[in-house]
Amino acid sequence: MHSKKAKIVIAILLIPITIGILYCVQRLLMPKYQKGVIEGSFTEEYYRDEAPHDVLIFGDCDAYENIDPIRLYQQYGISSFIRGSGEQYIFQSYYLLEDALRYETPKIVILSVHSLQFDAARNESYNRMTLDGMRWSSSKVDAINASMMEGETFLSYVFPILRYHDRWSELTKTDIEHIFSKDITSHNGYYMRCDTVPYAGFPPQTPLIDPSFGDNAMLYLDKIRQLCEDNGIELILYRAPIEFGWYEQWDANVEEYASMHGLTYLNLCEYTEEMGLDMSQDTYDGGIHLNLSGADKASDFIGAYLTANYDLTDYRNDPEVASVYEEKIEFYEAMREDQLREIEQYGELKSYGANAIEG
């Protein structure tokens, strides 16, 4: 009898021990996104931010590589955060916005229109970089269901070990160091790059067969617009000052939609001269994305526009928020100096993700 009770007790004790071991193994095997392709860290970094945000920005690399929230704060007192991720699809932007509204209600949402070209997810790795970092809620459940491609399973998002069980051969020291904690890699969602690779021209674009956006993309654009209206949020449609990967016909579609619904379409490609943008100096990858000097020029333009047209709080006058931003600025300046020092030493960036994804 005692032997049977002992076996039951042991079995009961083994359950939480087994679960704990599996959890630790899962944490070890999941990508950490601390070096190289750091964009997979951006989604979860939002939850660690302590400042309120008047402006939330959503989208892919057109958002997180071309707008600098620290610059917006330093020059205009605007507190903002980019909820961006690599090739973020517009249905993911919707659920990330829905998720953010659980924590705060911004005055303005800026939405990159770049992802309107994709009617459905086309890369499981991008899905993971956006979705794995979301906190669990109905928004995450719906985001997963809207994003899953053929071959993906919902269960593998619930238990990522089912997806990453074969990463043993890829593990590095970084995986071990960051099993339970990760360093902040962005600046309010901004991906900093201080290096320069001048624009040297783009290959000819393939002609569009059908210039219209897909039904699903337009459905979620409507859902974002409606969600903003329901919460008293001003929605601004935004295009980065980047010519790569975009068509004039798509601009016409966005302009028509904005006009129809009384929205602002802030197309920065129309203001490159006013911004003083110089693609021989302001890009780190030949004109596909802006570097820090370019992002600051774009951010100055956006900050001036927002300040002139909307009633935003100058958080530089709020001691509590200013204290938070002092730490952010210290981290920002340290990374900038590290990157400049590395560029001077090696002629390129090696430790800050020189092979970043195109987003």
Protein backbone atom coordinates (compact mmCIF):
# COMPACT_ATOMS: atom_id res chain seq x y z
CA MET A 1 0.00 0.00 0.00
CA HIS A 2 2.78 2.41 0.98
CA SER A 3 4.65 1.53 -2.20
CA LYS A 4 1.60 2.39 -4.32
CA LYS A 5 1.15 5.76 -2.55
CA ALA A 6 4.82 6.53 -3.03
CA LYS A 7 4.55 5.86 -6.76
CA ILE A 8 1.53 8.17 -6.98
CA VAL A 9 3.39 10.93 -5.14
CA ILE A 10 6.43 10.52 -7.39
CA ALA A 11 4.22 10.60 -10.48
CA ILE A 12 2.53 13.79 -9.26
CA LEU A 13 5.91 15.40 -8.57
CA LEU A 14 7.26 14.39 -11.95
CA ILE A 15 4.51 16.27 -13.81
CA PRO A 16 5.64 19.83 -12.88
CA ILE A 17 9.29 18.80 -13.14
CA THR A 18 8.73 17.48 -16.67
CA ILE A 19 6.77 20.59 -17.64
CA GLY A 20 9.56 22.78 -16.23
CA ILE A 21 12.23 20.91 -18.16
CA LEU A 22 10.25 21.14 -21.40
CA TYR A 23 9.70 24.85 -20.83
CA CYS A 24 13.42 25.44 -20.30
CA VAL A 25 14.28 23.42 -23.42
CA GLN A 26 11.70 25.37 -25.41
CA ARG A 27 13.17 28.68 -24.21
CA LEU A 28 16.64 27.49 -25.15
CA LEU A 29 15.63 26.42 -28.65
CA MET A 30 13.56 29.46 -29.59
CA PRO A 31 15.48 32.08 -31.64
CA LYS A 32 16.67 34.98 -29.48
CA TYR A 33 17.07 37.64 -32.22
CA GLN A 34 19.77 39.40 -30.21
CA LYS A 35 22.29 39.64 -33.04
CA GLY A 36 22.07 39.67 -36.83
CA VAL A 37 18.35 39.58 -37.63
CA ILE A 38 17.21 41.40 -34.49
CA GLU A 39 13.80 42.31 -35.95
CA GLY A 40 12.30 39.24 -34.30
CA SER A 41 12.73 40.96 -30.91
CA PHE A 42 10.74 44.06 -31.75
CA THR A 43 7.21 42.78 -31.07
CA GLU A 44 7.89 41.83 -27.45
CA GLU A 45 9.93 44.94 -26.67
CA TYR A 46 6.75 47.04 -26.76
CA TYR A 47 5.50 45.41 -23.57
CA ARG A 48 8.63 46.42 -21.68
CA ASP A 49 8.27 50.13 -22.45
CA GLU A 50 7.31 52.33 -19.49
CA ALA A 51 6.39 55.56 -21.28
CA PRO A 52 2.94 56.54 -22.59
CA HIS A 53 2.74 57.04 -26.36
CA ASP A 54 0.75 59.66 -28.21
CA VAL A 55 1.77 58.03 -31.51
CA LEU A 56 1.91 54.34 -32.41
CA ILE A 57 3.42 53.32 -35.75
CA PHE A 58 2.69 50.03 -37.50
CA GLY A 59 4.24 48.29 -40.47
CA ASP A 60 7.26 46.58 -41.91
CA CYS A 61 10.74 47.95 -42.56
CA ASP A 62 9.25 51.12 -44.06
CA ALA A 63 8.25 51.93 -40.49
CA TYR A 64 10.96 50.57 -38.23
CA GLU A 65 13.97 51.56 -40.37
CA ASN A 66 12.89 55.01 -41.48
CA ILE A 67 11.30 56.68 -38.43
CA ASP A 68 13.33 57.47 -35.31
CA PRO A 69 11.15 57.87 -32.17
CA ILE A 70 14.08 59.12 -30.09
CA ARG A 71 14.57 61.96 -32.56
CA LEU A 72 10.83 62.70 -32.40
CA TYR A 73 11.10 63.02 -28.63
CA GLN A 74 14.32 65.03 -28.57
CA GLN A 75 13.22 67.57 -31.19
CA TYR A 76 9.45 67.73 -30.62
CA GLY A 77 8.66 66.07 -27.29
CA ILE A 78 6.57 63.44 -29.09
CA SER A 79 6.42 60.05 -27.37
CA SER A 80 5.98 57.30 -29.95
CA PHE A 81 6.63 53.62 -30.44
CA ILE A 82 6.99 51.57 -33.62
CA ARG A 83 5.17 48.26 -33.41
CA GLY A 84 6.97 47.07 -36.51
CA SER A 85 8.36 43.74 -37.64
CA GLY A 86 9.91 42.14 -40.70
CA GLU A 87 7.45 42.04 -43.61
CA GLN A 88 4.59 42.78 -41.25
CA TYR A 89 1.37 42.05 -43.12
CA ILE A 90 -1.54 44.43 -42.76
CA PHE A 91 -3.71 41.85 -40.99
CA GLN A 92 -0.90 41.54 -38.44
CA SER A 93 -0.81 45.32 -38.08
CA TYR A 94 -4.51 45.21 -37.27
CA TYR A 95 -4.13 42.66 -34.50
CA LEU A 96 -1.03 44.39 -33.11
CA LEU A 97 -3.07 47.60 -32.91
CA GLU A 98 -5.95 45.74 -31.28
CA ASP A 99 -3.43 44.28 -28.83
CA ALA A 100 -1.88 47.69 -28.08
CA LEU A 101 -5.31 49.12 -27.23
CA ARG A 102 -5.38 46.75 -24.26
CA TYR A 103 -2.62 48.91 -22.74
CA GLU A 104 -3.12 52.43 -24.07
CA THR A 105 -5.04 54.59 -26.53
CA PRO A 106 -2.76 56.77 -28.67
CA LYS A 107 -3.89 60.00 -30.25
CA ILE A 108 -2.44 59.03 -33.63
CA VAL A 109 -1.78 55.78 -35.47
CA ILE A 110 0.63 55.91 -38.40
CA LEU A 111 0.23 52.94 -40.73
CA SER A 112 2.78 52.05 -43.39
CA VAL A 113 0.95 51.25 -46.63
CA HIS A 114 3.86 49.16 -47.94
CA SER A 115 2.26 45.89 -46.81
CA LEU A 116 -0.92 46.52 -48.81
CA GLN A 117 0.79 44.76 -51.69
CA PHE A 118 0.50 41.42 -49.83
CA ASP A 119 -2.93 39.86 -49.57
CA ALA A 120 -1.70 36.87 -47.55
CA ALA A 121 1.35 35.79 -45.61
CA ARG A 122 4.13 34.48 -47.80
CA ASN A 123 6.90 33.55 -45.36
CA GLU A 124 6.62 31.52 -42.16
CA SER A 125 9.81 33.05 -40.72
CA TYR A 126 8.29 36.52 -40.93
CA ASN A 127 5.14 35.21 -39.25
CA ARG A 128 7.24 33.93 -36.38
CA MET A 129 9.16 37.16 -35.96
CA THR A 130 5.90 39.08 -35.63
CA LEU A 131 3.73 36.63 -33.70
CA ASP A 132 5.95 34.72 -31.29
CA GLY A 133 6.64 37.88 -29.29
CA MET A 134 2.97 38.81 -28.84
CA ARG A 135 1.46 38.27 -25.42
CA TRP A 136 -1.35 35.76 -25.34
CA SER A 137 -4.80 37.25 -25.86
CA SER A 138 -7.65 36.89 -28.30
CA SER A 139 -5.71 39.30 -30.55
CA LYS A 140 -2.78 36.91 -30.76
CA VAL A 141 -5.07 33.95 -31.41
CA ASP A 142 -6.78 35.83 -34.25
CA ALA A 143 -3.44 37.07 -35.60
CA ILE A 144 -2.10 33.52 -35.77
CA ASN A 145 -5.23 32.26 -37.51
CA ALA A 146 -5.07 35.12 -40.03
CA SER A 147 -1.37 34.54 -40.71
CA MET A 148 -0.82 30.78 -40.84
CA MET A 149 0.36 29.38 -44.14
CA GLU A 150 -0.01 25.87 -45.50
CA GLY A 151 2.02 23.51 -43.34
CA GLU A 152 1.83 25.68 -40.22
CA THR A 153 -0.18 24.58 -37.20
CA PHE A 154 -1.75 26.60 -34.42
CA LEU A 155 -0.35 24.16 -31.86
CA SER A 156 3.22 25.04 -32.89
CA TYR A 157 2.53 28.65 -31.88
CA VAL A 158 1.17 27.53 -28.53
CA PHE A 159 4.15 25.23 -28.03
CA PRO A 160 7.03 26.67 -30.10
CA ILE A 161 9.18 23.66 -29.23
CA LEU A 162 7.21 21.83 -31.94
CA ARG A 163 8.62 24.32 -34.45
CA TYR A 164 12.15 24.76 -33.10
CA HIS A 165 12.90 21.25 -31.81
CA ASP A 166 15.64 20.75 -34.43
CA ARG A 167 17.62 23.96 -33.65
CA TRP A 168 20.17 22.08 -31.53
CA SER A 169 22.88 22.36 -34.16
CA GLU A 170 22.31 26.13 -34.50
CA LEU A 171 22.59 27.00 -30.81
CA THR A 172 25.17 29.60 -29.83
CA LYS A 173 26.39 31.24 -26.65
CA THR A 174 23.70 33.88 -27.15
CA ASP A 175 20.96 31.25 -26.89
CA ILE A 176 22.31 30.14 -23.53
CA GLU A 177 22.84 33.66 -22.18
CA HIS A 178 19.31 34.75 -23.09
CA ILE A 179 17.17 31.75 -22.19
CA PHE A 180 15.03 33.74 -19.76
CA SER A 181 15.92 37.36 -20.45
CA LYS A 182 16.69 39.35 -23.56
CA ASP A 183 18.38 42.69 -24.12
CA ILE A 184 16.52 45.57 -25.73
CA THR A 185 17.69 45.78 -29.35
CA SER A 186 15.66 48.70 -30.73
CA HIS A 187 14.91 52.28 -29.80
CA ASN A 188 11.15 52.36 -29.27
CA GLY A 189 10.97 49.92 -32.17
CA TYR A 190 13.49 51.75 -34.38
CA TYR A 191 16.29 49.71 -35.96
CA MET A 192 19.43 51.86 -35.88
CA ARG A 193 22.03 51.70 -38.66
CA CYS A 194 24.85 54.24 -38.87
CA ASP A 195 26.71 52.78 -41.86
CA THR A 196 26.44 54.12 -45.40
CA VAL A 197 26.12 52.34 -48.76
CA PRO A 198 25.14 54.94 -51.40
CA TYR A 199 22.24 54.52 -53.79
CA ALA A 200 23.46 53.32 -57.19
CA GLY A 201 20.18 52.67 -59.00
CA PHE A 202 17.55 49.93 -58.89
CA PRO A 203 16.84 47.27 -61.52
CA PRO A 204 13.79 47.89 -63.75
CA GLN A 205 10.51 46.93 -62.13
CA THR A 206 8.29 44.24 -63.55
CA PRO A 207 5.12 45.86 -65.00
CA LEU A 208 1.99 45.42 -62.88
CA ILE A 209 -0.61 43.08 -64.29
CA ASP A 210 -3.28 44.21 -61.84
CA PRO A 211 -2.67 47.45 -59.93
CA SER A 212 -5.45 46.87 -57.39
CA PHE A 213 -4.76 45.68 -53.87
CA GLY A 214 -6.15 42.33 -52.76
CA ASP A 215 -9.54 41.98 -51.09
CA ASN A 216 -8.03 40.74 -47.83
CA ALA A 217 -5.57 43.61 -47.63
CA MET A 218 -8.34 46.14 -48.19
CA LEU A 219 -10.57 44.38 -45.67
CA TYR A 220 -7.95 44.83 -42.95
CA LEU A 221 -7.24 48.40 -43.98
CA ASP A 222 -10.94 49.05 -43.40
CA LYS A 223 -10.77 47.25 -40.06
CA ILE A 224 -7.83 49.40 -38.94
CA ARG A 225 -9.64 52.56 -40.03
CA GLN A 226 -12.80 51.51 -38.18
CA LEU A 227 -10.89 50.51 -35.05
CA CYS A 228 -9.24 53.92 -34.99
CA GLU A 229 -12.57 55.69 -35.50
CA ASP A 230 -14.18 53.69 -32.70
CA ASN A 231 -11.42 54.73 -30.32
CA GLY A 232 -11.13 58.39 -31.36
CA ILE A 233 -7.70 57.88 -32.93
CA GLU A 234 -6.45 59.84 -35.94
CA LEU A 235 -5.21 57.44 -38.64
CA ILE A 236 -2.40 58.57 -40.94
CA LEU A 237 -1.42 56.45 -43.93
CA TYR A 238 2.30 56.67 -44.49
CA ARG A 239 4.85 55.84 -47.16
CA ALA A 240 8.58 55.98 -46.48
CA PRO A 241 10.77 58.10 -48.82
CA ILE A 242 11.91 54.94 -50.60
CA GLU A 243 11.31 54.28 -54.32
CA PHE A 244 12.25 50.59 -54.18
CA GLY A 245 9.45 48.01 -54.39
CA TRP A 246 6.52 50.35 -55.04
CA TYR A 247 4.41 51.47 -58.01
CA GLU A 248 2.74 54.78 -58.89
CA GLN A 249 -0.53 52.89 -59.45
CA TRP A 250 -0.46 51.81 -55.82
CA ASP A 251 0.00 55.43 -54.77
CA ALA A 252 -3.10 56.32 -56.74
CA ASN A 253 -5.05 53.59 -54.93
CA VAL A 254 -3.97 54.86 -51.51
CA GLU A 255 -4.72 58.46 -52.43
CA GLU A 256 -8.21 57.48 -53.59
CA TYR A 257 -8.87 55.54 -50.40
CA ALA A 258 -7.59 58.37 -48.21
CA SER A 259 -9.72 60.91 -50.05
CA MET A 260 -12.79 58.68 -49.80
CA HIS A 261 -12.45 58.33 -46.03
CA GLY A 262 -11.03 61.72 -45.10
CA LEU A 263 -7.62 60.37 -44.12
CA THR A 264 -4.16 61.89 -44.47
CA TYR A 265 -1.76 60.11 -46.80
CA LEU A 266 1.72 61.22 -45.82
CA ASN A 267 3.78 60.16 -48.82
CA LEU A 268 7.34 61.17 -47.94
CA CYS A 269 8.54 60.47 -51.47
CA GLU A 270 6.95 63.80 -52.36
CA TYR A 271 9.10 65.69 -49.84
CA THR A 272 12.62 64.33 -50.27
CA GLU A 273 14.02 67.71 -51.35
CA GLU A 274 12.28 69.49 -48.48
CA MET A 275 13.76 66.93 -46.08
CA GLY A 276 17.21 67.35 -47.60
CA LEU A 277 17.45 63.62 -48.17
CA ASP A 278 20.66 62.61 -49.95
CA MET A 279 20.76 58.97 -50.98
CA SER A 280 24.51 59.09 -51.42
CA GLN A 281 24.74 59.58 -47.64
CA ASP A 282 21.39 58.68 -46.04
CA THR A 283 21.03 54.96 -46.77
CA TYR A 284 22.93 51.93 -45.49
CA ASP A 285 21.97 49.50 -48.26
CA GLY A 286 21.90 51.33 -51.57
CA GLY A 287 18.55 53.06 -51.17
CA ILE A 288 16.31 50.29 -49.83
CA HIS A 289 16.34 51.64 -46.26
CA LEU A 290 17.50 54.82 -44.57
CA ASN A 291 20.41 54.92 -42.15
CA LEU A 292 20.35 57.03 -38.98
CA SER A 293 21.07 60.33 -40.72
CA GLY A 294 18.29 59.66 -43.23
CA ALA A 295 15.81 58.48 -40.59
CA ASP A 296 16.46 61.63 -38.58
CA LYS A 297 15.68 63.81 -41.60
CA ALA A 298 12.46 61.91 -42.21
CA SER A 299 11.61 62.07 -38.50
CA ASP A 300 12.18 65.83 -38.40
CA PHE A 301 9.69 66.22 -41.24
CA ILE A 302 7.13 63.93 -39.56
CA GLY A 303 7.63 65.61 -36.19
CA ALA A 304 7.10 69.08 -37.63
CA TYR A 305 3.99 67.87 -39.47
CA LEU A 306 2.46 66.23 -36.41
CA THR A 307 3.22 69.20 -34.17
CA ALA A 308 1.66 71.63 -36.64
CA ASN A 309 -1.50 69.62 -37.25
CA TYR A 310 -2.31 67.76 -34.01
CA ASP A 311 -2.58 68.54 -30.32
CA LEU A 312 0.20 66.38 -28.90
CA THR A 313 1.77 66.43 -25.46
CA ASP A 314 5.33 67.70 -25.16
CA TYR A 315 6.61 64.97 -22.85
CA ARG A 316 9.91 66.78 -22.34
CA ASN A 317 7.92 68.83 -19.80
CA ASP A 318 6.72 65.75 -17.92
CA PRO A 319 9.41 64.87 -15.32
CA GLU A 320 8.34 61.24 -15.00
CA VAL A 321 8.33 60.57 -18.75
CA ALA A 322 11.45 62.67 -19.29
CA SER A 323 13.25 60.47 -16.76
CA VAL A 324 12.34 57.37 -18.78
CA TYR A 325 13.56 59.00 -21.97
CA GLU A 326 16.85 60.02 -20.37
CA GLU A 327 17.68 56.32 -20.07
CA LYS A 328 16.50 55.68 -23.61
CA ILE A 329 18.71 58.48 -24.95
CA GLU A 330 21.70 57.15 -23.03
CA PHE A 331 21.22 53.71 -24.62
CA TYR A 332 20.63 55.31 -28.03
CA GLU A 333 23.81 57.39 -27.87
CA ALA A 334 25.85 54.43 -26.65
CA MET A 335 24.72 52.29 -29.58
CA ARG A 336 25.38 55.11 -32.03
CA GLU A 337 28.91 55.54 -30.70
CA ASP A 338 29.51 51.78 -30.77
CA GLN A 339 28.40 51.58 -34.39
CA LEU A 340 30.49 54.57 -35.48
CA ARG A 341 33.53 53.13 -33.70
CA GLU A 342 33.01 49.76 -35.37
CA ILE A 343 32.61 51.36 -38.80
CA GLU A 344 35.83 53.33 -38.27
CA GLN A 345 37.67 50.18 -37.20
CA TYR A 346 36.37 47.67 -39.74
CA GLY A 347 34.84 49.78 -42.47
CA GLU A 348 31.47 48.09 -41.86
CA LEU A 349 29.12 46.93 -39.13
CA LYS A 350 29.71 43.39 -37.95
CA SER A 351 27.92 43.10 -34.63
CA TYR A 352 24.78 45.13 -35.34
CA GLY A 353 23.16 42.99 -37.99
CA ALA A 354 24.93 43.74 -41.25
CA ASN A 355 22.73 41.12 -42.92
CA ALA A 356 19.40 42.53 -41.79
CA ILE A 357 16.32 41.36 -43.67
CA GLU A 358 14.67 43.58 -46.25
CA GLY A 359 11.44 43.63 -44.25
